[in-house]
Amino acid sequence: GFETMRKLQAHPWPGNVRELKNYVDRAV
């Protein structure tokens, strides 16, 4: 959803792309 993507883009992601991948795997 739009709001979810907005939150993802607002997050600082200290673990960068690796952290984003881990998030997607868990969220699925």
PDB file of all heavy atoms in Angstrom:
ATOM      1  N   GLY A   1       0.803  -1.213   0.000  1.00  0.00           N
ATOM      2  CA  GLY A   1       0.000   0.000   0.000  1.00  0.00           C
ATOM      3  C   GLY A   1       0.836   1.263   0.000  1.00  0.00           C
ATOM      4  O   GLY A   1       2.024   1.252   0.347  1.00  0.00           O
ATOM      5  N   PHE A   2       0.200   2.375  -0.376  1.00  0.00           N
ATOM      6  CA  PHE A   2       0.902   3.660  -0.439  1.00  0.00           C
ATOM      7  C   PHE A   2       1.466   4.049   0.919  1.00  0.00           C
ATOM      8  O   PHE A   2       2.613   4.488   1.020  1.00  0.00           O
ATOM      9  CB  PHE A   2      -0.068   4.743  -0.938  1.00  0.00           C
ATOM     10  CG  PHE A   2       0.514   6.127  -0.895  1.00  0.00           C
ATOM     11  CD1 PHE A   2       1.332   6.577  -1.923  1.00  0.00           C
ATOM     12  CD2 PHE A   2       0.251   6.985   0.173  1.00  0.00           C
ATOM     13  CE1 PHE A   2       1.877   7.849  -1.884  1.00  0.00           C
ATOM     14  CE2 PHE A   2       0.799   8.253   0.214  1.00  0.00           C
ATOM     15  CZ  PHE A   2       1.614   8.692  -0.814  1.00  0.00           C
ATOM     16  N   GLU A   3       0.680   3.899   1.985  1.00  0.00           N
ATOM     17  CA  GLU A   3       1.126   4.309   3.317  1.00  0.00           C
ATOM     18  C   GLU A   3       2.291   3.446   3.789  1.00  0.00           C
ATOM     19  O   GLU A   3       3.236   3.938   4.416  1.00  0.00           O
ATOM     20  CB  GLU A   3      -0.036   4.239   4.310  1.00  0.00           C
ATOM     21  CG  GLU A   3       0.295   4.767   5.707  1.00  0.00           C
ATOM     22  CD  GLU A   3       0.689   6.234   5.712  1.00  0.00           C
ATOM     23  OE1 GLU A   3       0.322   6.961   4.769  1.00  0.00           O
ATOM     24  OE2 GLU A   3       1.376   6.641   6.670  1.00  0.00           O
ATOM     25  N   THR A   4       2.225   2.143   3.496  1.00  0.00           N
ATOM     26  CA  THR A   4       3.333   1.256   3.866  1.00  0.00           C
ATOM     27  C   THR A   4       4.605   1.672   3.153  1.00  0.00           C
ATOM     28  O   THR A   4       5.678   1.765   3.770  1.00  0.00           O
ATOM     29  CB  THR A   4       2.996  -0.204   3.512  1.00  0.00           C
ATOM     30  OG1 THR A   4       1.890  -0.631   4.311  1.00  0.00           O
ATOM     31  CG2 THR A   4       4.179  -1.114   3.776  1.00  0.00           C
ATOM     32  N   MET A   5       4.510   1.963   1.841  1.00  0.00           N
ATOM     33  CA  MET A   5       5.702   2.372   1.097  1.00  0.00           C
ATOM     34  C   MET A   5       6.223   3.701   1.610  1.00  0.00           C
ATOM     35  O   MET A   5       7.449   3.912   1.681  1.00  0.00           O
ATOM     36  CB  MET A   5       5.373   2.466  -0.400  1.00  0.00           C
ATOM     37  CG  MET A   5       6.609   2.723  -1.269  1.00  0.00           C
ATOM     38  SD  MET A   5       7.865   1.412  -1.114  1.00  0.00           S
ATOM     39  CE  MET A   5       7.009   0.041  -1.928  1.00  0.00           C
ATOM     40  N   ARG A   6       5.336   4.599   1.998  1.00  0.00           N
ATOM     41  CA  ARG A   6       5.780   5.881   2.549  1.00  0.00           C
ATOM     42  C   ARG A   6       6.589   5.667   3.823  1.00  0.00           C
ATOM     43  O   ARG A   6       7.629   6.302   4.028  1.00  0.00           O
ATOM     44  CB  ARG A   6       4.575   6.788   2.839  1.00  0.00           C
ATOM     45  CG  ARG A   6       4.953   8.216   3.246  1.00  0.00           C
ATOM     46  CD  ARG A   6       3.795   8.949   3.874  1.00  0.00           C
ATOM     47  NE  ARG A   6       3.436   8.397   5.169  1.00  0.00           N
ATOM     48  CZ  ARG A   6       4.099   8.665   6.297  1.00  0.00           C
ATOM     49  NH1 ARG A   6       5.147   9.472   6.283  1.00  0.00           N
ATOM     50  NH2 ARG A   6       3.713   8.125   7.445  1.00  0.00           N
ATOM     51  N   LYS A   7       6.121   4.752   4.687  1.00  0.00           N
ATOM     52  CA  LYS A   7       6.853   4.459   5.922  1.00  0.00           C
ATOM     53  C   LYS A   7       8.203   3.815   5.623  1.00  0.00           C
ATOM     54  O   LYS A   7       9.202   4.108   6.287  1.00  0.00           O
ATOM     55  CB  LYS A   7       6.016   3.543   6.811  1.00  0.00           C
ATOM     56  CG  LYS A   7       4.800   4.205   7.436  1.00  0.00           C
ATOM     57  CD  LYS A   7       4.060   3.232   8.339  1.00  0.00           C
ATOM     58  CE  LYS A   7       2.849   3.894   8.992  1.00  0.00           C
ATOM     59  NZ  LYS A   7       2.110   2.933   9.863  1.00  0.00           N
ATOM     60  N   LEU A   8       8.219   2.932   4.637  1.00  0.00           N
ATOM     61  CA  LEU A   8       9.486   2.292   4.278  1.00  0.00           C
ATOM     62  C   LEU A   8      10.488   3.320   3.768  1.00  0.00           C
ATOM     63  O   LEU A   8      11.684   3.250   4.072  1.00  0.00           O
ATOM     64  CB  LEU A   8       9.256   1.214   3.219  1.00  0.00           C
ATOM     65  CG  LEU A   8       8.415   0.009   3.646  1.00  0.00           C
ATOM     66  CD1 LEU A   8       8.280  -0.980   2.488  1.00  0.00           C
ATOM     67  CD2 LEU A   8       9.009  -0.686   4.864  1.00  0.00           C
ATOM     68  N   GLN A   9      10.014   4.285   2.994  1.00  0.00           N
ATOM     69  CA  GLN A   9      10.911   5.301   2.464  1.00  0.00           C
ATOM     70  C   GLN A   9      11.316   6.323   3.518  1.00  0.00           C
ATOM     71  O   GLN A   9      12.326   7.009   3.360  1.00  0.00           O
ATOM     72  CB  GLN A   9      10.258   5.997   1.267  1.00  0.00           C
ATOM     73  CG  GLN A   9      10.152   5.095   0.039  1.00  0.00           C
ATOM     74  CD  GLN A   9       9.588   5.822  -1.159  1.00  0.00           C
ATOM     75  OE1 GLN A   9       8.496   6.388  -1.118  1.00  0.00           O
ATOM     76  NE2 GLN A   9      10.333   5.812  -2.261  1.00  0.00           N
ATOM     77  N   ALA A  10      10.543   6.429   4.604  1.00  0.00           N
ATOM     78  CA  ALA A  10      10.883   7.362   5.684  1.00  0.00           C
ATOM     79  C   ALA A  10      11.841   6.751   6.702  1.00  0.00           C
ATOM     80  O   ALA A  10      12.464   7.477   7.469  1.00  0.00           O
ATOM     81  CB  ALA A  10       9.612   7.823   6.399  1.00  0.00           C
ATOM     82  N   HIS A  11      11.954   5.431   6.698  1.00  0.00           N
ATOM     83  CA  HIS A  11      12.805   4.757   7.674  1.00  0.00           C
ATOM     84  C   HIS A  11      14.281   4.944   7.314  1.00  0.00           C
ATOM     85  O   HIS A  11      14.638   4.883   6.139  1.00  0.00           O
ATOM     86  CB  HIS A  11      12.462   3.266   7.686  1.00  0.00           C
ATOM     87  CG  HIS A  11      13.253   2.478   8.678  1.00  0.00           C
ATOM     88  ND1 HIS A  11      13.285   2.775  10.016  1.00  0.00           N
ATOM     89  CD2 HIS A  11      14.052   1.388   8.525  1.00  0.00           C
ATOM     90  CE1 HIS A  11      14.056   1.904  10.649  1.00  0.00           C
ATOM     91  NE2 HIS A  11      14.541   1.064   9.770  1.00  0.00           N
ATOM     92  N   PRO A  12      15.176   5.175   8.275  1.00  0.00           N
ATOM     93  CA  PRO A  12      16.590   5.416   7.957  1.00  0.00           C
ATOM     94  C   PRO A  12      17.368   4.175   7.525  1.00  0.00           C
ATOM     95  O   PRO A  12      18.466   4.303   7.000  1.00  0.00           O
ATOM     96  CB  PRO A  12      17.153   5.982   9.267  1.00  0.00           C
ATOM     97  CG  PRO A  12      16.249   5.466  10.328  1.00  0.00           C
ATOM     98  CD  PRO A  12      14.879   5.405   9.711  1.00  0.00           C
ATOM     99  N   TRP A  13      16.861   2.963   7.765  1.00  0.00           N
ATOM    100  CA  TRP A  13      17.507   1.716   7.335  1.00  0.00           C
ATOM    101  C   TRP A  13      18.991   1.666   7.688  1.00  0.00           C
ATOM    102  O   TRP A  13      19.852   1.647   6.795  1.00  0.00           O
ATOM    103  CB  TRP A  13      17.316   1.493   5.828  1.00  0.00           C
ATOM    104  CG  TRP A  13      15.888   1.336   5.435  1.00  0.00           C
ATOM    105  CD1 TRP A  13      15.136   2.224   4.732  1.00  0.00           C
ATOM    106  CD2 TRP A  13      15.015   0.235   5.732  1.00  0.00           C
ATOM    107  NE1 TRP A  13      13.855   1.752   4.576  1.00  0.00           N
ATOM    108  CE2 TRP A  13      13.751   0.530   5.179  1.00  0.00           C
ATOM    109  CE3 TRP A  13      15.183  -0.980   6.413  1.00  0.00           C
ATOM    110  CZ2 TRP A  13      12.659  -0.328   5.285  1.00  0.00           C
ATOM    111  CZ3 TRP A  13      14.101  -1.834   6.531  1.00  0.00           C
ATOM    112  CH2 TRP A  13      12.857  -1.504   5.972  1.00  0.00           C
ATOM    113  N   PRO A  14      19.337   1.617   8.967  1.00  0.00           N
ATOM    114  CA  PRO A  14      20.754   1.548   9.335  1.00  0.00           C
ATOM    115  C   PRO A  14      21.446   0.303   8.789  1.00  0.00           C
ATOM    116  O   PRO A  14      22.663   0.304   8.598  1.00  0.00           O
ATOM    117  CB  PRO A  14      20.731   1.551  10.871  1.00  0.00           C
ATOM    118  CG  PRO A  14      19.332   1.134  11.238  1.00  0.00           C
ATOM    119  CD  PRO A  14      18.455   1.648  10.144  1.00  0.00           C
ATOM    120  N   GLY A  15      20.678  -0.774   8.539  1.00  0.00           N
ATOM    121  CA  GLY A  15      21.256  -1.976   7.949  1.00  0.00           C
ATOM    122  C   GLY A  15      21.197  -1.993   6.432  1.00  0.00           C
ATOM    123  O   GLY A  15      21.571  -2.981   5.795  1.00  0.00           O
ATOM    124  N   ASN A  16      20.705  -0.892   5.840  1.00  0.00           N
ATOM    125  CA  ASN A  16      20.687  -0.675   4.399  1.00  0.00           C
ATOM    126  C   ASN A  16      19.914  -1.755   3.648  1.00  0.00           C
ATOM    127  O   ASN A  16      18.907  -2.241   4.155  1.00  0.00           O
ATOM    128  CB  ASN A  16      22.121  -0.515   3.886  1.00  0.00           C
ATOM    129  CG  ASN A  16      22.727   0.788   4.369  1.00  0.00           C
ATOM    130  OD1 ASN A  16      22.288   1.861   3.971  1.00  0.00           O
ATOM    131  ND2 ASN A  16      23.711   0.697   5.242  1.00  0.00           N
ATOM    132  N   VAL A  17      20.362  -2.122   2.441  1.00  0.00           N
ATOM    133  CA  VAL A  17      19.591  -3.026   1.590  1.00  0.00           C
ATOM    134  C   VAL A  17      19.416  -4.388   2.256  1.00  0.00           C
ATOM    135  O   VAL A  17      18.368  -5.022   2.132  1.00  0.00           O
ATOM    136  CB  VAL A  17      20.273  -3.181   0.215  1.00  0.00           C
ATOM    137  CG1 VAL A  17      19.492  -4.152  -0.668  1.00  0.00           C
ATOM    138  CG2 VAL A  17      20.379  -1.828  -0.476  1.00  0.00           C
ATOM    139  N   ARG A  18      20.425  -4.832   2.978  1.00  0.00           N
ATOM    140  CA  ARG A  18      20.320  -6.127   3.654  1.00  0.00           C
ATOM    141  C   ARG A  18      19.185  -6.116   4.673  1.00  0.00           C
ATOM    142  O   ARG A  18      18.411  -7.073   4.788  1.00  0.00           O
ATOM    143  CB  ARG A  18      21.642  -6.478   4.342  1.00  0.00           C
ATOM    144  CG  ARG A  18      21.657  -7.891   4.953  1.00  0.00           C
ATOM    145  CD  ARG A  18      22.944  -8.172   5.692  1.00  0.00           C
ATOM    146  NE  ARG A  18      24.067  -8.241   4.780  1.00  0.00           N
ATOM    147  CZ  ARG A  18      25.191  -7.540   4.922  1.00  0.00           C
ATOM    148  NH1 ARG A  18      25.310  -6.668   5.901  1.00  0.00           N
ATOM    149  NH2 ARG A  18      26.180  -7.684   4.065  1.00  0.00           N
ATOM    150  N   GLU A  19      19.044  -5.021   5.400  1.00  0.00           N
ATOM    151  CA  GLU A  19      17.962  -4.916   6.384  1.00  0.00           C
ATOM    152  C   GLU A  19      16.601  -4.862   5.688  1.00  0.00           C
ATOM    153  O   GLU A  19      15.627  -5.459   6.157  1.00  0.00           O
ATOM    154  CB  GLU A  19      18.156  -3.677   7.252  1.00  0.00           C
ATOM    155  CG  GLU A  19      17.108  -3.553   8.347  1.00  0.00           C
ATOM    156  CD  GLU A  19      17.265  -2.298   9.191  1.00  0.00           C
ATOM    157  OE1 GLU A  19      18.229  -1.538   8.979  1.00  0.00           O
ATOM    158  OE2 GLU A  19      16.405  -2.083  10.068  1.00  0.00           O
ATOM    159  N   LEU A  20      16.526  -4.158   4.557  1.00  0.00           N
ATOM    160  CA  LEU A  20      15.271  -4.088   3.812  1.00  0.00           C
ATOM    161  C   LEU A  20      14.864  -5.479   3.329  1.00  0.00           C
ATOM    162  O   LEU A  20      13.687  -5.852   3.410  1.00  0.00           O
ATOM    163  CB  LEU A  20      15.414  -3.142   2.623  1.00  0.00           C
ATOM    164  CG  LEU A  20      14.200  -3.040   1.687  1.00  0.00           C
ATOM    165  CD1 LEU A  20      12.980  -2.496   2.435  1.00  0.00           C
ATOM    166  CD2 LEU A  20      14.521  -2.149   0.483  1.00  0.00           C
ATOM    167  N   LYS A  21      15.805  -6.256   2.843  1.00  0.00           N
ATOM    168  CA  LYS A  21      15.488  -7.615   2.392  1.00  0.00           C
ATOM    169  C   LYS A  21      14.980  -8.472   3.554  1.00  0.00           C
ATOM    170  O   LYS A  21      14.002  -9.218   3.416  1.00  0.00           O
ATOM    171  CB  LYS A  21      16.712  -8.288   1.768  1.00  0.00           C
ATOM    172  CG  LYS A  21      16.422  -9.687   1.229  1.00  0.00           C
ATOM    173  CD  LYS A  21      17.654 -10.344   0.646  1.00  0.00           C
ATOM    174  CE  LYS A  21      17.292 -11.668  -0.028  1.00  0.00           C
ATOM    175  NZ  LYS A  21      16.554 -12.606   0.847  1.00  0.00           N
ATOM    176  N   ASN A  22      15.634  -8.361   4.700  1.00  0.00           N
ATOM    177  CA  ASN A  22      15.185  -9.123   5.871  1.00  0.00           C
ATOM    178  C   ASN A  22      13.763  -8.723   6.270  1.00  0.00           C
ATOM    179  O   ASN A  22      12.939  -9.571   6.638  1.00  0.00           O
ATOM    180  CB  ASN A  22      16.133  -8.900   7.052  1.00  0.00           C
ATOM    181  CG  ASN A  22      17.485  -9.540   6.830  1.00  0.00           C
ATOM    182  OD1 ASN A  22      17.640 -10.392   5.950  1.00  0.00           O
ATOM    183  ND2 ASN A  22      18.477  -9.131   7.593  1.00  0.00           N
ATOM    184  N   TYR A  23      13.481  -7.404   6.194  1.00  0.00           N
ATOM    185  CA  TYR A  23      12.133  -6.942   6.513  1.00  0.00           C
ATOM    186  C   TYR A  23      11.110  -7.554   5.560  1.00  0.00           C
ATOM    187  O   TYR A  23      10.049  -8.038   5.980  1.00  0.00           O
ATOM    188  CB  TYR A  23      12.055  -5.413   6.450  1.00  0.00           C
ATOM    189  CG  TYR A  23      10.650  -4.929   6.201  1.00  0.00           C
ATOM    190  CD1 TYR A  23       9.694  -4.981   7.209  1.00  0.00           C
ATOM    191  CD2 TYR A  23      10.263  -4.499   4.937  1.00  0.00           C
ATOM    192  CE1 TYR A  23       8.386  -4.586   6.969  1.00  0.00           C
ATOM    193  CE2 TYR A  23       8.966  -4.098   4.695  1.00  0.00           C
ATOM    194  CZ  TYR A  23       8.022  -4.147   5.712  1.00  0.00           C
ATOM    195  OH  TYR A  23       6.737  -3.772   5.474  1.00  0.00           O
ATOM    196  N   VAL A  24      11.378  -7.508   4.247  1.00  0.00           N
ATOM    197  CA  VAL A  24      10.434  -8.043   3.269  1.00  0.00           C
ATOM    198  C   VAL A  24      10.204  -9.535   3.511  1.00  0.00           C
ATOM    199  O   VAL A  24       9.062 -10.018   3.488  1.00  0.00           O
ATOM    200  CB  VAL A  24      10.927  -7.791   1.831  1.00  0.00           C
ATOM    201  CG1 VAL A  24      10.026  -8.509   0.822  1.00  0.00           C
ATOM    202  CG2 VAL A  24      10.947  -6.288   1.530  1.00  0.00           C
ATOM    203  N   ASP A  25      11.272 -10.283   3.765  1.00  0.00           N
ATOM    204  CA  ASP A  25      11.133 -11.724   4.005  1.00  0.00           C
ATOM    205  C   ASP A  25      10.235 -11.993   5.211  1.00  0.00           C
ATOM    206  O   ASP A  25       9.382 -12.890   5.182  1.00  0.00           O
ATOM    207  CB  ASP A  25      12.508 -12.368   4.222  1.00  0.00           C
ATOM    208  CG  ASP A  25      13.341 -12.407   2.952  1.00  0.00           C
ATOM    209  OD1 ASP A  25      12.755 -12.245   1.863  1.00  0.00           O
ATOM    210  OD2 ASP A  25      14.573 -12.586   3.051  1.00  0.00           O
ATOM    211  N   ARG A  26      10.403 -11.214   6.287  1.00  0.00           N
ATOM    212  CA  ARG A  26       9.579 -11.401   7.478  1.00  0.00           C
ATOM    213  C   ARG A  26       8.141 -10.958   7.216  1.00  0.00           C
ATOM    214  O   ARG A  26       7.189 -11.624   7.598  1.00  0.00           O
ATOM    215  CB  ARG A  26      10.141 -10.605   8.657  1.00  0.00           C
ATOM    216  CG  ARG A  26      11.433 -11.136   9.220  1.00  0.00           C
ATOM    217  CD  ARG A  26      11.742 -10.487  10.563  1.00  0.00           C
ATOM    218  NE  ARG A  26      11.765  -9.032  10.471  1.00  0.00           N
ATOM    219  CZ  ARG A  26      12.833  -8.324  10.163  1.00  0.00           C
ATOM    220  NH1 ARG A  26      13.964  -8.943   9.883  1.00  0.00           N
ATOM    221  NH2 ARG A  26      12.793  -7.008  10.124  1.00  0.00           N
ATOM    222  N   ALA A  27       7.996  -9.803   6.553  1.00  0.00           N
ATOM    223  CA  ALA A  27       6.664  -9.247   6.346  1.00  0.00           C
ATOM    224  C   ALA A  27       5.821 -10.124   5.428  1.00  0.00           C
ATOM    225  O   ALA A  27       4.599 -10.177   5.575  1.00  0.00           O
ATOM    226  CB  ALA A  27       6.771  -7.832   5.771  1.00  0.00           C
ATOM    227  N   VAL A  28       6.452 -10.817   4.482  1.00  0.00           N
ATOM    228  CA  VAL A  28       5.712 -11.722   3.596  1.00  0.00           C
ATOM    229  C   VAL A  28       5.077 -12.845   4.414  1.00  0.00           C
ATOM    230  O   VAL A  28       3.914 -13.229   4.204  1.00  0.00           O
ATOM    231  CB  VAL A  28       6.641 -12.292   2.512  1.00  0.00           C
ATOM    232  CG1 VAL A  28       6.003 -13.504   1.834  1.00  0.00           C
ATOM    233  CG2 VAL A  28       6.959 -11.226   1.479  1.00  0.00           C
TER     234      VAL A  28
END
